[in-house]
């Protein structure tokens, strides 16, 4: 697995540069691919796999909504994490959007903790390889045109690009990365255009 060293924002304006390792994402593996791989591995009929995957969220929810943790052997444990709206948010459309109660408490997310044996096995089987982003390779002096070529190469290899993919490969922050990709879409000669896949904006070849 490849990773890059991402520079942390200097929120306190100290001038000190700090970095953290970040996975260089390839592309998202979808349900269809996972299903095919699982059926090939287990010889399970595809209809069985689809039945399990369709019913699993409903079964998990039936226990989570009662305040239980849910553990699946060999996989991990699921728990609910609650959030609290501010006084201002309780009087805004956000309250209805997140289904908060009268106290402003709502279900923020589902937390997943993988089993130690699974995590240990993944660590042992994964080779971590440091690759340099455009920013690292050129010492932070990469031009917009050089970044456009990086984007174009990724799109040609993977079919489309998300903002997070561009962030990972260029070292740009989200706002700057999205602005730059949108600028490419407005340039007739860039070779890049944007489109919607579901609710997500992606960037593809013209």
Protein backbone atom coordinates (compact mmCIF):
# COMPACT_ATOMS: atom_id res chain seq x y z
CA UNK A 1 0.00 0.00 0.00
CA UNK A 2 1.30 3.43 -0.93
CA UNK A 3 1.23 6.49 1.31
CA UNK A 4 2.40 10.08 1.20
CA UNK A 5 3.48 12.48 3.94
CA UNK A 6 0.79 15.17 4.24
CA UNK A 7 1.64 18.54 5.73
CA UNK A 8 -0.49 19.53 8.72
CA UNK A 9 -2.17 22.96 8.67
CA UNK A 10 -0.26 25.51 10.74
CA UNK A 11 -3.35 26.63 12.69
CA UNK A 12 -1.30 28.32 15.44
CA UNK A 13 0.94 30.16 12.95
CA UNK A 14 4.15 28.84 14.51
CA UNK A 15 5.94 28.45 11.18
CA UNK A 16 6.84 24.89 12.14
CA UNK A 17 6.12 22.24 9.53
CA UNK A 18 4.67 18.96 10.72
CA UNK A 19 3.69 15.96 8.62
CA UNK A 20 1.61 12.84 9.03
CA UNK A 21 1.35 9.71 6.85
CA UNK A 22 -1.75 9.43 4.68
CA UNK A 23 -2.93 6.58 2.46
CA UNK A 24 -2.57 7.32 -1.24
CA UNK A 25 -6.05 6.19 -2.21
CA UNK A 26 -6.48 4.27 -5.43
CA UNK A 27 -10.22 4.08 -6.02
CA UNK A 28 -13.28 2.99 -4.05
CA UNK A 29 -14.11 -0.71 -4.30
CA UNK A 30 -17.87 -1.06 -4.65
CA UNK A 31 -20.49 -3.60 -3.68
CA UNK A 32 -20.39 -5.44 -7.00
CA UNK A 33 -16.63 -6.08 -6.81
CA UNK A 34 -16.78 -7.19 -3.17
CA UNK A 35 -19.67 -9.51 -3.98
CA UNK A 36 -17.85 -11.11 -6.88
CA UNK A 37 -14.70 -11.61 -4.82
CA UNK A 38 -16.61 -13.13 -1.91
CA UNK A 39 -18.59 -15.50 -4.10
CA UNK A 40 -15.38 -16.66 -5.83
CA UNK A 41 -13.68 -17.18 -2.48
CA UNK A 42 -16.48 -19.09 -0.75
CA UNK A 43 -18.46 -20.56 -3.68
CA UNK A 44 -21.53 -19.11 -1.95
CA UNK A 45 -24.47 -18.47 -4.33
CA UNK A 46 -24.68 -14.80 -5.20
CA UNK A 47 -28.28 -14.64 -4.00
CA UNK A 48 -27.18 -15.71 -0.50
CA UNK A 49 -24.55 -13.00 -0.37
CA UNK A 50 -27.03 -10.35 -1.50
CA UNK A 51 -29.56 -11.55 1.09
CA UNK A 52 -27.04 -11.27 3.93
CA UNK A 53 -25.81 -7.84 2.86
CA UNK A 54 -29.34 -6.52 2.46
CA UNK A 55 -30.50 -7.70 5.87
CA UNK A 56 -27.38 -6.97 7.94
CA UNK A 57 -27.88 -3.19 8.41
CA UNK A 58 -31.47 -3.76 9.55
CA UNK A 59 -30.41 -6.40 12.08
CA UNK A 60 -27.58 -4.20 13.41
CA UNK A 61 -29.93 -1.24 13.76
CA UNK A 62 -32.45 -3.25 15.76
CA UNK A 63 -29.84 -3.72 18.50
CA UNK A 64 -27.97 -0.42 18.20
CA UNK A 65 -31.15 1.60 18.63
CA UNK A 66 -31.71 -0.16 21.97
CA UNK A 67 -28.30 0.96 23.23
CA UNK A 68 -26.42 -2.29 22.65
CA UNK A 69 -22.93 -2.70 21.24
CA UNK A 70 -22.87 -5.25 18.44
CA UNK A 71 -19.91 -7.58 17.99
CA UNK A 72 -19.33 -9.75 14.93
CA UNK A 73 -16.64 -12.36 15.53
CA UNK A 74 -13.61 -11.95 13.30
CA UNK A 75 -14.79 -8.51 12.23
CA UNK A 76 -15.29 -6.05 15.07
CA UNK A 77 -17.67 -4.11 17.30
CA UNK A 78 -20.20 -1.41 16.41
CA UNK A 79 -21.27 1.36 18.81
CA UNK A 80 -23.31 4.53 18.48
CA UNK A 81 -21.68 7.90 19.11
CA UNK A 82 -24.03 10.72 20.15
CA UNK A 83 -23.70 14.41 19.36
CA UNK A 84 -25.17 17.57 20.88
CA UNK A 85 -26.43 20.57 18.90
CA UNK A 86 -25.64 24.09 20.02
CA UNK A 87 -28.49 26.33 21.14
CA UNK A 88 -28.42 28.03 17.75
CA UNK A 89 -28.47 24.73 15.86
CA UNK A 90 -31.49 23.51 17.84
CA UNK A 91 -33.52 26.32 16.29
CA UNK A 92 -32.25 25.67 12.76
CA UNK A 93 -33.17 23.15 10.03
CA UNK A 94 -30.20 21.03 11.17
CA UNK A 95 -32.21 19.74 14.13
CA UNK A 96 -34.75 18.11 11.86
CA UNK A 97 -32.06 16.96 9.43
CA UNK A 98 -30.20 14.95 12.08
CA UNK A 99 -33.40 13.97 13.97
CA UNK A 100 -32.24 15.52 17.23
CA UNK A 101 -34.52 15.33 20.27
CA UNK A 102 -35.74 18.32 22.32
CA UNK A 103 -32.40 18.45 24.16
CA UNK A 104 -30.48 18.64 20.88
CA UNK A 105 -29.05 15.14 21.26
CA UNK A 106 -28.72 13.06 18.10
CA UNK A 107 -26.91 10.03 16.69
CA UNK A 108 -23.68 11.50 15.31
CA UNK A 109 -22.11 8.39 13.83
CA UNK A 110 -21.61 4.65 14.11
CA UNK A 111 -18.21 3.83 15.57
CA UNK A 112 -16.48 0.66 14.40
CA UNK A 113 -13.62 -0.97 16.29
CA UNK A 114 -11.97 -3.83 14.38
CA UNK A 115 -10.95 -6.97 16.24
CA UNK A 116 -7.31 -7.01 17.29
CA UNK A 117 -6.55 -10.22 15.40
CA UNK A 118 -7.91 -8.79 12.16
CA UNK A 119 -5.93 -5.58 12.59
CA UNK A 120 -2.79 -7.52 13.51
CA UNK A 121 -3.13 -9.70 10.42
CA UNK A 122 -3.61 -6.65 8.20
CA UNK A 123 -0.49 -5.04 9.63
CA UNK A 124 1.55 -8.17 9.03
CA UNK A 125 0.37 -8.66 5.45
CA UNK A 126 0.58 -5.04 4.27
CA UNK A 127 3.75 -3.53 2.80
CA UNK A 128 3.80 0.23 3.36
CA UNK A 129 5.59 2.16 0.61
CA UNK A 130 6.30 5.89 0.80
CA UNK A 131 5.66 7.62 -2.51
CA UNK A 132 6.13 11.33 -3.03
CA UNK A 133 3.33 13.64 -4.03
CA UNK A 134 3.89 16.30 -6.67
CA UNK A 135 4.52 18.79 -3.89
CA UNK A 136 7.13 16.56 -2.23
CA UNK A 137 8.89 15.71 -5.50
CA UNK A 138 9.27 19.33 -6.52
CA UNK A 139 9.84 20.78 -3.07
CA UNK A 140 6.49 22.56 -2.99
CA UNK A 141 7.12 24.34 -6.29
CA UNK A 142 4.78 22.31 -8.49
CA UNK A 143 2.96 24.44 -11.04
CA UNK A 144 -0.76 24.23 -11.74
CA UNK A 145 -0.01 22.69 -15.14
CA UNK A 146 2.09 19.96 -13.52
CA UNK A 147 -0.76 19.23 -11.14
CA UNK A 148 -3.22 19.14 -14.06
CA UNK A 149 -1.08 16.45 -15.71
CA UNK A 150 -1.15 14.47 -12.46
CA UNK A 151 -4.95 14.74 -12.42
CA UNK A 152 -5.23 13.74 -16.06
CA UNK A 153 -3.03 10.69 -15.56
CA UNK A 154 -5.11 9.57 -12.59
CA UNK A 155 -8.37 10.01 -14.53
CA UNK A 156 -7.03 8.03 -17.48
CA UNK A 157 -5.96 5.20 -15.16
CA UNK A 158 -9.04 5.13 -12.93
CA UNK A 159 -11.87 6.60 -14.99
CA UNK A 160 -12.62 9.48 -12.64
CA UNK A 161 -11.16 11.54 -9.80
CA UNK A 162 -12.62 12.81 -6.53
CA UNK A 163 -11.38 15.92 -4.73
CA UNK A 164 -9.77 13.73 -2.04
CA UNK A 165 -7.76 11.92 -4.74
CA UNK A 166 -6.40 15.24 -5.97
CA UNK A 167 -5.62 16.35 -2.42
CA UNK A 168 -3.66 13.16 -1.77
CA UNK A 169 -1.58 13.45 -4.93
CA UNK A 170 -0.83 17.17 -4.81
CA UNK A 171 -0.70 17.98 -1.10
CA UNK A 172 -3.32 20.74 -1.54
CA UNK A 173 -6.01 21.44 1.03
CA UNK A 174 -9.64 20.62 0.17
CA UNK A 175 -10.71 24.17 -0.72
CA UNK A 176 -7.71 24.82 -2.98
CA UNK A 177 -7.93 21.37 -4.58
CA UNK A 178 -11.61 21.77 -5.45
CA UNK A 179 -11.08 25.30 -6.77
CA UNK A 180 -8.26 24.12 -9.01
CA UNK A 181 -10.19 21.13 -10.38
CA UNK A 182 -13.18 23.36 -11.12
CA UNK A 183 -10.85 25.79 -12.90
CA UNK A 184 -9.61 22.94 -15.09
CA UNK A 185 -13.22 22.15 -16.02
CA UNK A 186 -13.65 25.72 -17.23
CA UNK A 187 -10.63 25.50 -19.53
CA UNK A 188 -11.52 24.05 -22.97
CA UNK A 189 -8.02 22.64 -23.48
CA UNK A 190 -7.58 21.06 -20.03
CA UNK A 191 -9.12 17.71 -21.03
CA UNK A 192 -11.03 17.56 -17.73
CA UNK A 193 -14.73 18.06 -17.02
CA UNK A 194 -16.91 17.50 -13.96
CA UNK A 195 -20.05 15.43 -13.61
CA UNK A 196 -22.27 14.03 -10.86
CA UNK A 197 -22.30 10.40 -9.74
CA UNK A 198 -25.18 10.14 -7.32
CA UNK A 199 -24.69 13.07 -4.94
CA UNK A 200 -20.94 13.24 -5.48
CA UNK A 201 -19.08 15.48 -7.91
CA UNK A 202 -16.35 13.67 -9.82
CA UNK A 203 -13.89 14.75 -12.50
CA UNK A 204 -13.59 12.81 -15.76
CA UNK A 205 -11.94 13.05 -19.15
CA UNK A 206 -13.60 15.31 -21.74
